[in-house]
Amino acid sequence: VQLQASGGGTVQAGGSLRLSCAASGRTFSYYATAWFRQAPGKEREFVAGISGVGTHTAGGNTNYADSVKGRFTISRDDSKNTVYLQMNSLKAEDTAVYYCATSDFPIITHGLPSYHYWGQGTQVTVSS
């Protein structure tokens, strides 16, 4: 399984970016996929997740960290096997390296150990 994250860059506060995470070797729709971020000197943290299709879930449910609710949207295009993170109203505190990750289970969790496959990270810098 390989994940390829892209779309990072530098943007002014209040601007927008869309991150993409393309998968090979795995069909995203069956597994939870999430975005995490890690700012300098801080631990990696959960940003947003989208559930997969499982026995007890229809898939496509989303979950967000409180700090990004109402500003970020996670989505999935099953035809492209790609997960997106649309980031609007960006703030300086959103500056971090953003990672996509996929779990072996359909349910979204916030803990890093649940996600066994990780992309390489893409830098997002928001200037104030």
N, C-alpha and C. Protein backbone atom coordinates (compact mmCIF):
# COMPACT_ATOMS: atom_id res chain seq x y z
N VAL A 1 0.85 -1.19 0.00
CA VAL A 1 0.00 0.00 0.00
C VAL A 1 0.89 1.24 0.00
N GLN A 2 0.62 2.13 -0.93
CA GLN A 2 1.36 3.38 -0.98
C GLN A 2 0.39 4.54 -1.07
N LEU A 3 0.67 5.57 -0.29
CA LEU A 3 -0.15 6.77 -0.29
C LEU A 3 0.71 7.93 -0.78
N GLN A 4 0.16 8.72 -1.66
CA GLN A 4 0.88 9.86 -2.21
C GLN A 4 0.09 11.12 -1.89
N ALA A 5 0.64 11.94 -1.00
CA ALA A 5 -0.02 13.19 -0.62
C ALA A 5 0.54 14.33 -1.45
N SER A 6 -0.32 15.26 -1.80
CA SER A 6 0.11 16.42 -2.58
C SER A 6 -0.83 17.59 -2.31
N GLY A 7 -0.44 18.76 -2.80
CA GLY A 7 -1.31 19.92 -2.71
C GLY A 7 -0.89 20.97 -1.70
N GLY A 8 0.15 20.68 -0.94
CA GLY A 8 0.59 21.67 0.03
C GLY A 8 1.19 22.89 -0.64
N GLY A 9 1.46 23.91 0.16
CA GLY A 9 2.05 25.12 -0.37
C GLY A 9 1.99 26.22 0.66
N THR A 10 2.26 27.43 0.20
CA THR A 10 2.23 28.60 1.06
C THR A 10 1.05 29.48 0.66
N VAL A 11 0.29 29.90 1.64
CA VAL A 11 -0.90 30.69 1.39
C VAL A 11 -1.03 31.74 2.50
N GLN A 12 -1.65 32.84 2.19
CA GLN A 12 -1.89 33.86 3.21
C GLN A 12 -3.05 33.46 4.11
N ALA A 13 -3.05 33.97 5.30
CA ALA A 13 -4.15 33.71 6.23
C ALA A 13 -5.47 34.10 5.58
N GLY A 14 -6.45 33.25 5.76
CA GLY A 14 -7.75 33.45 5.14
C GLY A 14 -7.91 32.75 3.80
N GLY A 15 -6.81 32.26 3.27
CA GLY A 15 -6.83 31.57 1.99
C GLY A 15 -7.23 30.11 2.09
N SER A 16 -7.14 29.43 0.95
CA SER A 16 -7.57 28.04 0.86
C SER A 16 -6.53 27.18 0.16
N LEU A 17 -6.53 25.92 0.49
CA LEU A 17 -5.73 24.91 -0.18
C LEU A 17 -6.53 23.61 -0.20
N ARG A 18 -6.25 22.78 -1.20
CA ARG A 18 -6.84 21.45 -1.22
C ARG A 18 -5.73 20.42 -1.31
N LEU A 19 -5.69 19.55 -0.32
CA LEU A 19 -4.73 18.46 -0.31
C LEU A 19 -5.37 17.21 -0.93
N SER A 20 -4.53 16.42 -1.58
CA SER A 20 -4.98 15.17 -2.18
C SER A 20 -4.14 14.02 -1.65
N CYS A 21 -4.77 12.86 -1.54
CA CYS A 21 -4.06 11.66 -1.12
C CYS A 21 -4.53 10.52 -2.01
N ALA A 22 -3.64 10.08 -2.88
CA ALA A 22 -3.97 9.00 -3.81
C ALA A 22 -3.37 7.70 -3.30
N ALA A 23 -4.14 6.62 -3.43
CA ALA A 23 -3.69 5.33 -2.92
C ALA A 23 -3.44 4.35 -4.05
N SER A 24 -2.44 3.52 -3.85
CA SER A 24 -2.23 2.36 -4.71
C SER A 24 -2.08 1.15 -3.80
N GLY A 25 -2.65 0.04 -4.25
CA GLY A 25 -2.58 -1.17 -3.44
C GLY A 25 -3.66 -1.29 -2.41
N ARG A 26 -4.58 -0.34 -2.40
CA ARG A 26 -5.68 -0.37 -1.44
C ARG A 26 -6.86 0.39 -2.03
N THR A 27 -8.06 -0.14 -1.77
CA THR A 27 -9.27 0.58 -2.16
C THR A 27 -9.74 1.37 -0.95
N PHE A 28 -9.64 2.68 -1.06
CA PHE A 28 -9.93 3.56 0.07
C PHE A 28 -11.33 3.35 0.63
N SER A 29 -12.28 3.02 -0.23
CA SER A 29 -13.67 3.04 0.21
C SER A 29 -13.97 2.04 1.32
N TYR A 30 -13.13 1.03 1.51
CA TYR A 30 -13.38 0.02 2.52
C TYR A 30 -12.72 0.32 3.87
N TYR A 31 -11.93 1.37 3.92
CA TYR A 31 -11.14 1.64 5.13
C TYR A 31 -11.25 3.10 5.52
N ALA A 32 -11.11 3.34 6.81
CA ALA A 32 -11.06 4.73 7.27
C ALA A 32 -9.76 5.36 6.80
N THR A 33 -9.87 6.60 6.37
CA THR A 33 -8.71 7.38 5.95
C THR A 33 -8.76 8.70 6.66
N ALA A 34 -7.60 9.18 7.07
CA ALA A 34 -7.56 10.40 7.86
C ALA A 34 -6.40 11.28 7.44
N TRP A 35 -6.53 12.53 7.79
CA TRP A 35 -5.44 13.49 7.68
C TRP A 35 -4.95 13.83 9.09
N PHE A 36 -3.65 13.84 9.24
CA PHE A 36 -3.01 14.27 10.47
C PHE A 36 -2.08 15.43 10.11
N ARG A 37 -1.65 16.15 11.13
CA ARG A 37 -0.66 17.19 10.89
C ARG A 37 0.32 17.26 12.05
N GLN A 38 1.49 17.75 11.72
CA GLN A 38 2.52 17.90 12.74
C GLN A 38 3.24 19.22 12.54
N ALA A 39 3.09 20.09 13.52
CA ALA A 39 3.78 21.37 13.50
C ALA A 39 5.13 21.21 14.19
N PRO A 40 6.07 22.10 13.90
CA PRO A 40 7.39 22.01 14.51
C PRO A 40 7.32 21.99 16.03
N GLY A 41 7.97 21.01 16.64
CA GLY A 41 8.01 20.92 18.09
C GLY A 41 6.76 20.36 18.73
N LYS A 42 5.80 19.95 17.91
CA LYS A 42 4.54 19.42 18.44
C LYS A 42 4.33 17.99 17.99
N GLU A 43 3.43 17.31 18.69
CA GLU A 43 3.10 15.95 18.31
C GLU A 43 2.17 15.94 17.10
N ARG A 44 2.20 14.85 16.40
CA ARG A 44 1.29 14.68 15.28
C ARG A 44 -0.13 14.55 15.81
N GLU A 45 -1.07 15.25 15.18
CA GLU A 45 -2.44 15.27 15.67
C GLU A 45 -3.44 14.97 14.57
N PHE A 46 -4.55 14.41 14.97
CA PHE A 46 -5.64 14.11 14.06
C PHE A 46 -6.28 15.41 13.58
N VAL A 47 -6.60 15.46 12.30
CA VAL A 47 -7.26 16.63 11.72
C VAL A 47 -8.67 16.27 11.24
N ALA A 48 -8.78 15.25 10.42
CA ALA A 48 -10.07 14.87 9.87
C ALA A 48 -10.02 13.43 9.38
N GLY A 49 -11.16 12.76 9.42
CA GLY A 49 -11.22 11.38 8.95
C GLY A 49 -12.52 11.10 8.23
N ILE A 50 -12.49 10.08 7.38
CA ILE A 50 -13.67 9.65 6.66
C ILE A 50 -13.73 8.14 6.75
N SER A 51 -14.91 7.62 7.06
CA SER A 51 -15.03 6.18 7.32
C SER A 51 -15.14 5.39 6.02
N GLY A 52 -14.84 4.11 6.14
CA GLY A 52 -15.00 3.20 5.03
C GLY A 52 -16.29 2.41 5.16
N VAL A 53 -16.59 1.64 4.15
CA VAL A 53 -17.78 0.78 4.17
C VAL A 53 -17.45 -0.47 4.98
N GLY A 54 -18.27 -0.74 6.01
CA GLY A 54 -18.03 -1.92 6.83
C GLY A 54 -19.33 -2.55 7.23
N THR A 55 -19.25 -3.54 8.11
CA THR A 55 -20.43 -4.26 8.55
C THR A 55 -21.43 -3.32 9.24
N HIS A 56 -20.92 -2.36 9.99
CA HIS A 56 -21.79 -1.50 10.78
C HIS A 56 -21.76 -0.05 10.33
N THR A 57 -21.16 0.22 9.19
CA THR A 57 -21.12 1.59 8.72
C THR A 57 -21.30 1.62 7.22
N ALA A 58 -22.06 2.59 6.76
CA ALA A 58 -22.29 2.73 5.32
C ALA A 58 -21.13 3.38 4.62
N GLY A 59 -20.21 3.94 5.42
CA GLY A 59 -19.07 4.60 4.82
C GLY A 59 -19.38 6.06 4.52
N GLY A 60 -18.33 6.87 4.47
CA GLY A 60 -18.51 8.27 4.14
C GLY A 60 -18.80 9.16 5.32
N ASN A 61 -18.86 8.57 6.53
CA ASN A 61 -19.01 9.44 7.70
C ASN A 61 -17.72 10.21 7.93
N THR A 62 -17.85 11.42 8.43
CA THR A 62 -16.67 12.26 8.64
C THR A 62 -16.57 12.70 10.09
N ASN A 63 -15.36 13.02 10.46
CA ASN A 63 -15.07 13.46 11.84
C ASN A 63 -13.93 14.45 11.77
N TYR A 64 -14.02 15.50 12.60
CA TYR A 64 -13.03 16.58 12.54
C TYR A 64 -12.52 16.94 13.93
N ALA A 65 -11.29 17.39 13.97
CA ALA A 65 -10.78 18.00 15.19
C ALA A 65 -11.52 19.31 15.42
N ASP A 66 -11.72 19.66 16.68
CA ASP A 66 -12.47 20.89 16.98
C ASP A 66 -11.82 22.12 16.35
N SER A 67 -10.51 22.10 16.24
CA SER A 67 -9.79 23.27 15.74
C SER A 67 -10.05 23.55 14.26
N VAL A 68 -10.58 22.58 13.53
CA VAL A 68 -10.78 22.77 12.08
C VAL A 68 -12.25 22.65 11.67
N LYS A 69 -13.12 22.35 12.60
CA LYS A 69 -14.53 22.21 12.27
C LYS A 69 -15.07 23.48 11.65
N GLY A 70 -15.81 23.32 10.57
CA GLY A 70 -16.38 24.46 9.89
C GLY A 70 -15.45 25.11 8.88
N ARG A 71 -14.17 24.72 8.90
CA ARG A 71 -13.21 25.29 7.95
C ARG A 71 -12.65 24.24 6.99
N PHE A 72 -12.49 23.03 7.46
CA PHE A 72 -11.92 21.95 6.64
C PHE A 72 -13.01 20.95 6.28
N THR A 73 -12.87 20.36 5.10
CA THR A 73 -13.80 19.32 4.66
C THR A 73 -13.01 18.17 4.06
N ILE A 74 -13.26 16.98 4.57
CA ILE A 74 -12.63 15.79 4.01
C ILE A 74 -13.64 15.10 3.09
N SER A 75 -13.15 14.60 1.98
CA SER A 75 -14.04 13.91 1.04
C SER A 75 -13.26 12.82 0.33
N ARG A 76 -14.00 11.97 -0.38
CA ARG A 76 -13.36 10.86 -1.07
C ARG A 76 -14.00 10.68 -2.43
N ASP A 77 -13.16 10.47 -3.44
CA ASP A 77 -13.63 10.17 -4.78
C ASP A 77 -13.27 8.72 -5.06
N ASP A 78 -14.25 7.84 -4.96
CA ASP A 78 -13.98 6.42 -5.12
C ASP A 78 -13.52 6.07 -6.53
N SER A 79 -13.96 6.83 -7.51
CA SER A 79 -13.56 6.54 -8.89
C SER A 79 -12.08 6.82 -9.11
N LYS A 80 -11.53 7.71 -8.30
CA LYS A 80 -10.10 8.05 -8.41
C LYS A 80 -9.28 7.46 -7.26
N ASN A 81 -9.98 6.79 -6.34
CA ASN A 81 -9.31 6.23 -5.16
C ASN A 81 -8.45 7.28 -4.48
N THR A 82 -9.05 8.44 -4.27
CA THR A 82 -8.33 9.60 -3.73
C THR A 82 -9.17 10.24 -2.63
N VAL A 83 -8.49 10.65 -1.58
CA VAL A 83 -9.14 11.40 -0.49
C VAL A 83 -8.61 12.82 -0.52
N TYR A 84 -9.49 13.77 -0.28
CA TYR A 84 -9.15 15.18 -0.33
C TYR A 84 -9.35 15.84 1.03
N LEU A 85 -8.62 16.92 1.25
CA LEU A 85 -8.86 17.77 2.40
C LEU A 85 -8.93 19.20 1.89
N GLN A 86 -10.13 19.74 1.84
CA GLN A 86 -10.33 21.13 1.46
C GLN A 86 -10.17 21.98 2.70
N MET A 87 -9.25 22.91 2.65
CA MET A 87 -8.95 23.75 3.81
C MET A 87 -9.25 25.20 3.46
N ASN A 88 -10.22 25.76 4.13
CA ASN A 88 -10.61 27.15 3.92
C ASN A 88 -10.34 27.97 5.17
N SER A 89 -10.34 29.28 5.00
CA SER A 89 -10.12 30.19 6.13
C SER A 89 -8.90 29.79 6.93
N LEU A 90 -7.82 29.55 6.23
CA LEU A 90 -6.61 29.06 6.89
C LEU A 90 -6.04 30.10 7.85
N LYS A 91 -5.48 29.58 8.93
CA LYS A 91 -4.88 30.42 9.95
C LYS A 91 -3.40 30.06 10.09
N ALA A 92 -2.64 30.97 10.68
CA ALA A 92 -1.21 30.72 10.88
C ALA A 92 -0.99 29.43 11.67
N GLU A 93 -1.88 29.13 12.60
CA GLU A 93 -1.72 27.93 13.42
C GLU A 93 -2.02 26.64 12.68
N ASP A 94 -2.47 26.73 11.43
CA ASP A 94 -2.66 25.54 10.60
C ASP A 94 -1.36 25.13 9.93
N THR A 95 -0.32 25.95 10.07
CA THR A 95 0.97 25.62 9.47
C THR A 95 1.52 24.33 10.06
N ALA A 96 1.81 23.38 9.18
CA ALA A 96 2.29 22.06 9.62
C ALA A 96 2.59 21.21 8.39
N VAL A 97 3.20 20.07 8.64
CA VAL A 97 3.28 19.04 7.61
C VAL A 97 2.03 18.17 7.76
N TYR A 98 1.32 17.99 6.67
CA TYR A 98 0.08 17.24 6.68
C TYR A 98 0.33 15.85 6.09
N TYR A 99 -0.17 14.84 6.80
CA TYR A 99 -0.01 13.45 6.38
C TYR A 99 -1.38 12.81 6.19
N CYS A 100 -1.50 12.02 5.15
CA CYS A 100 -2.69 11.17 5.05
C CYS A 100 -2.32 9.77 5.50
N ALA A 101 -3.30 9.07 6.03
CA ALA A 101 -3.07 7.73 6.56
C ALA A 101 -4.34 6.91 6.42
N THR A 102 -4.18 5.61 6.27
CA THR A 102 -5.33 4.74 6.13
C THR A 102 -5.24 3.59 7.12
N SER A 103 -6.40 3.25 7.66
CA SER A 103 -6.49 2.21 8.68
C SER A 103 -6.80 0.85 8.05
N ASP A 104 -6.72 -0.19 8.85
CA ASP A 104 -7.16 -1.50 8.42
C ASP A 104 -8.62 -1.75 8.79
N PHE A 105 -9.28 -0.72 9.29
CA PHE A 105 -10.66 -0.85 9.73
C PHE A 105 -11.49 0.28 9.13
N PRO A 106 -12.81 0.12 9.03
CA PRO A 106 -13.64 1.16 8.42
C PRO A 106 -13.98 2.32 9.36
N ILE A 107 -13.83 2.11 10.67
CA ILE A 107 -14.25 3.12 11.63
C ILE A 107 -13.13 4.14 11.85
N ILE A 108 -13.52 5.41 11.91
CA ILE A 108 -12.56 6.48 12.16
C ILE A 108 -12.13 6.46 13.62
N THR A 109 -10.84 6.53 13.83
CA THR A 109 -10.31 6.75 15.17
C THR A 109 -9.32 7.90 15.11
N HIS A 110 -9.03 8.49 16.25
CA HIS A 110 -8.12 9.62 16.29
C HIS A 110 -6.69 9.22 16.62
N GLY A 111 -6.49 7.98 17.03
CA GLY A 111 -5.17 7.58 17.46
C GLY A 111 -4.27 7.14 16.32
N LEU A 112 -3.03 7.55 16.37
CA LEU A 112 -2.07 7.20 15.32
C LEU A 112 -1.89 5.70 15.14
N PRO A 113 -1.82 4.90 16.20
CA PRO A 113 -1.57 3.46 16.02
C PRO A 113 -2.62 2.73 15.19
N SER A 114 -3.80 3.32 15.02
CA SER A 114 -4.84 2.67 14.23
C SER A 114 -4.57 2.75 12.74
N TYR A 115 -3.66 3.60 12.36
CA TYR A 115 -3.39 3.85 10.94
C TYR A 115 -2.04 3.25 10.58
N HIS A 116 -2.09 2.24 9.72
CA HIS A 116 -0.88 1.47 9.44
C HIS A 116 -0.13 1.93 8.20
N TYR A 117 -0.78 2.70 7.37
CA TYR A 117 -0.14 3.15 6.13
C TYR A 117 -0.20 4.66 6.08
N TRP A 118 0.96 5.26 5.78
CA TRP A 118 1.09 6.71 5.81
C TRP A 118 1.68 7.24 4.52
N GLY A 119 1.22 8.41 4.12
CA GLY A 119 1.84 9.11 3.02
C GLY A 119 3.08 9.84 3.49
N GLN A 120 3.75 10.50 2.58
CA GLN A 120 5.04 11.11 2.88
C GLN A 120 4.93 12.50 3.51
N GLY A 121 3.76 13.08 3.55
CA GLY A 121 3.62 14.41 4.12
C GLY A 121 3.76 15.51 3.09
N THR A 122 2.98 16.55 3.29
CA THR A 122 3.05 17.71 2.41
C THR A 122 2.99 18.96 3.30
N GLN A 123 3.87 19.91 3.02
CA GLN A 123 4.00 21.09 3.87
C GLN A 123 2.92 22.12 3.54
N VAL A 124 2.26 22.60 4.58
CA VAL A 124 1.31 23.71 4.45
C VAL A 124 1.83 24.84 5.33
N THR A 125 2.03 25.99 4.71
CA THR A 125 2.51 27.16 5.43
C THR A 125 1.52 28.29 5.24
N VAL A 126 1.03 28.83 6.34
CA VAL A 126 0.06 29.93 6.29
C VAL A 126 0.74 31.16 6.88
N SER A 127 0.87 32.16 6.06
CA SER A 127 1.53 33.38 6.50
C SER A 127 0.48 34.38 7.00
N SER A 128 0.81 35.04 8.10
CA SER A 128 -0.16 35.99 8.69
C SER A 128 0.13 37.41 8.25
